[in-house]
Amino acid sequence: MNQVLSPRHLLAILLIPIFTTGCTTIENRRDLYFPQCVWGPYTKMLHKGIPKQKVQSITLPKETGGSKNVIKPQG
């Protein structure tokens, strides 16, 4: 009763999931379910470009330690 799958059947079983993964209704036909224009953060970045990061400047204290004055690390 144990039947071995033929190579043709095995190939069909492996190829069916590959060919059906592109059939995503929500992705391909978004306008049917959501007729309003999407304008979220990722769509804005797509149209306007990726915003540049703001440069933060850090001010360090100007205390210097001599040979006898040792500044202990913070933390």
C-alpha atoms as a PDB file:
ATOM      1  CA  MET A   1       0.000   0.000   0.000  1.00  0.00           C
ATOM      2  CA  ASN A   2       2.974   2.352   0.395  1.00  0.00           C
ATOM      3  CA  GLN A   3       3.338   4.162  -2.889  1.00  0.00           C
ATOM      4  CA  VAL A   4       6.380   6.241  -3.703  1.00  0.00           C
ATOM      5  CA  LEU A   5       5.706   9.626  -5.266  1.00  0.00           C
ATOM      6  CA  SER A   6       6.934   9.931  -8.791  1.00  0.00           C
ATOM      7  CA  PRO A   7       9.354  12.782  -9.582  1.00  0.00           C
ATOM      8  CA  ARG A   8       6.609  14.511 -11.578  1.00  0.00           C
ATOM      9  CA  HIS A   9       4.259  14.571  -8.570  1.00  0.00           C
ATOM     10  CA  LEU A  10       7.038  15.662  -6.232  1.00  0.00           C
ATOM     11  CA  LEU A  11       7.957  18.522  -8.555  1.00  0.00           C
ATOM     12  CA  ALA A  12       4.304  19.617  -8.738  1.00  0.00           C
ATOM     13  CA  ILE A  13       4.001  19.550  -4.947  1.00  0.00           C
ATOM     14  CA  LEU A  14       7.104  21.718  -4.595  1.00  0.00           C
ATOM     15  CA  LEU A  15       6.189  24.230  -7.319  1.00  0.00           C
ATOM     16  CA  ILE A  16       2.574  24.906  -6.263  1.00  0.00           C
ATOM     17  CA  PRO A  17       3.542  26.944  -3.144  1.00  0.00           C
ATOM     18  CA  ILE A  18       6.101  28.905  -5.153  1.00  0.00           C
ATOM     19  CA  PHE A  19       3.592  29.940  -7.817  1.00  0.00           C
ATOM     20  CA  THR A  20       0.759  30.730  -5.397  1.00  0.00           C
ATOM     21  CA  THR A  21       2.741  33.028  -3.084  1.00  0.00           C
ATOM     22  CA  GLY A  22       2.227  35.957  -5.485  1.00  0.00           C
ATOM     23  CA  CYS A  23      -1.556  35.772  -5.160  1.00  0.00           C
ATOM     24  CA  THR A  24      -2.026  38.166  -2.261  1.00  0.00           C
ATOM     25  CA  THR A  25      -5.341  39.917  -2.768  1.00  0.00           C
ATOM     26  CA  ILE A  26      -4.800  42.601  -0.133  1.00  0.00           C
ATOM     27  CA  GLU A  27      -1.449  43.675  -1.603  1.00  0.00           C
ATOM     28  CA  ASN A  28      -2.445  43.631  -5.264  1.00  0.00           C
ATOM     29  CA  ARG A  29      -5.974  45.037  -4.958  1.00  0.00           C
ATOM     30  CA  ARG A  30      -5.627  47.444  -2.051  1.00  0.00           C
ATOM     31  CA  ASP A  31      -7.861  50.001  -3.765  1.00  0.00           C
ATOM     32  CA  LEU A  32     -10.855  47.641  -3.511  1.00  0.00           C
ATOM     33  CA  TYR A  33     -10.692  47.501   0.276  1.00  0.00           C
ATOM     34  CA  PHE A  34      -9.188  50.905   1.120  1.00  0.00           C
ATOM     35  CA  PRO A  35     -10.260  53.490  -1.480  1.00  0.00           C
ATOM     36  CA  GLN A  36      -8.790  56.432   0.470  1.00  0.00           C
ATOM     37  CA  CYS A  37      -5.250  57.541  -0.265  1.00  0.00           C
ATOM     38  CA  VAL A  38      -2.670  56.152   2.135  1.00  0.00           C
ATOM     39  CA  TRP A  39      -0.373  58.823   3.599  1.00  0.00           C
ATOM     40  CA  GLY A  40       1.510  57.213   6.470  1.00  0.00           C
ATOM     41  CA  PRO A  41       5.106  57.683   7.556  1.00  0.00           C
ATOM     42  CA  TYR A  42       6.535  55.201   5.042  1.00  0.00           C
ATOM     43  CA  THR A  43       4.575  56.687   2.137  1.00  0.00           C
ATOM     44  CA  LYS A  44       5.800  60.155   3.123  1.00  0.00           C
ATOM     45  CA  MET A  45       9.396  58.909   3.136  1.00  0.00           C
ATOM     46  CA  LEU A  46       8.833  57.345  -0.274  1.00  0.00           C
ATOM     47  CA  HIS A  47       7.641  60.665  -1.735  1.00  0.00           C
ATOM     48  CA  LYS A  48       9.748  63.168   0.199  1.00  0.00           C
ATOM     49  CA  GLY A  49      12.864  61.106   0.900  1.00  0.00           C
ATOM     50  CA  ILE A  50      14.377  59.887   4.153  1.00  0.00           C
ATOM     51  CA  PRO A  51      14.682  62.727   6.678  1.00  0.00           C
ATOM     52  CA  LYS A  52      18.209  63.628   7.783  1.00  0.00           C
ATOM     53  CA  GLN A  53      19.178  63.011  11.386  1.00  0.00           C
ATOM     54  CA  LYS A  54      19.726  66.029  13.608  1.00  0.00           C
ATOM     55  CA  VAL A  55      23.275  66.363  14.893  1.00  0.00           C
ATOM     56  CA  GLN A  56      23.484  66.474  18.660  1.00  0.00           C
ATOM     57  CA  SER A  57      26.402  68.257  20.258  1.00  0.00           C
ATOM     58  CA  ILE A  58      27.672  67.222  23.660  1.00  0.00           C
ATOM     59  CA  THR A  59      29.442  69.737  25.888  1.00  0.00           C
ATOM     60  CA  LEU A  60      32.035  68.296  28.190  1.00  0.00           C
ATOM     61  CA  PRO A  61      33.103  70.033  31.388  1.00  0.00           C
ATOM     62  CA  LYS A  62      36.376  71.940  31.107  1.00  0.00           C
ATOM     63  CA  GLU A  63      37.744  70.620  34.364  1.00  0.00           C
ATOM     64  CA  THR A  64      41.174  69.178  34.027  1.00  0.00           C
ATOM     65  CA  GLY A  65      42.888  67.162  36.657  1.00  0.00           C
ATOM     66  CA  GLY A  66      46.446  67.758  37.706  1.00  0.00           C
ATOM     67  CA  SER A  67      48.797  65.102  38.847  1.00  0.00           C
ATOM     68  CA  LYS A  68      47.308  65.285  42.339  1.00  0.00           C
ATOM     69  CA  ASN A  69      43.670  66.000  41.345  1.00  0.00           C
ATOM     70  CA  VAL A  70      41.978  62.915  39.944  1.00  0.00           C
ATOM     71  CA  ILE A  71      38.547  63.301  38.400  1.00  0.00           C
ATOM     72  CA  LYS A  72      36.397  60.300  39.210  1.00  0.00           C
ATOM     73  CA  PRO A  73      34.367  58.932  36.306  1.00  0.00           C
ATOM     74  CA  GLN A  74      30.636  59.599  36.360  1.00  0.00           C
ATOM     75  CA  GLY A  75      28.344  56.617  36.636  1.00  0.00           C
END
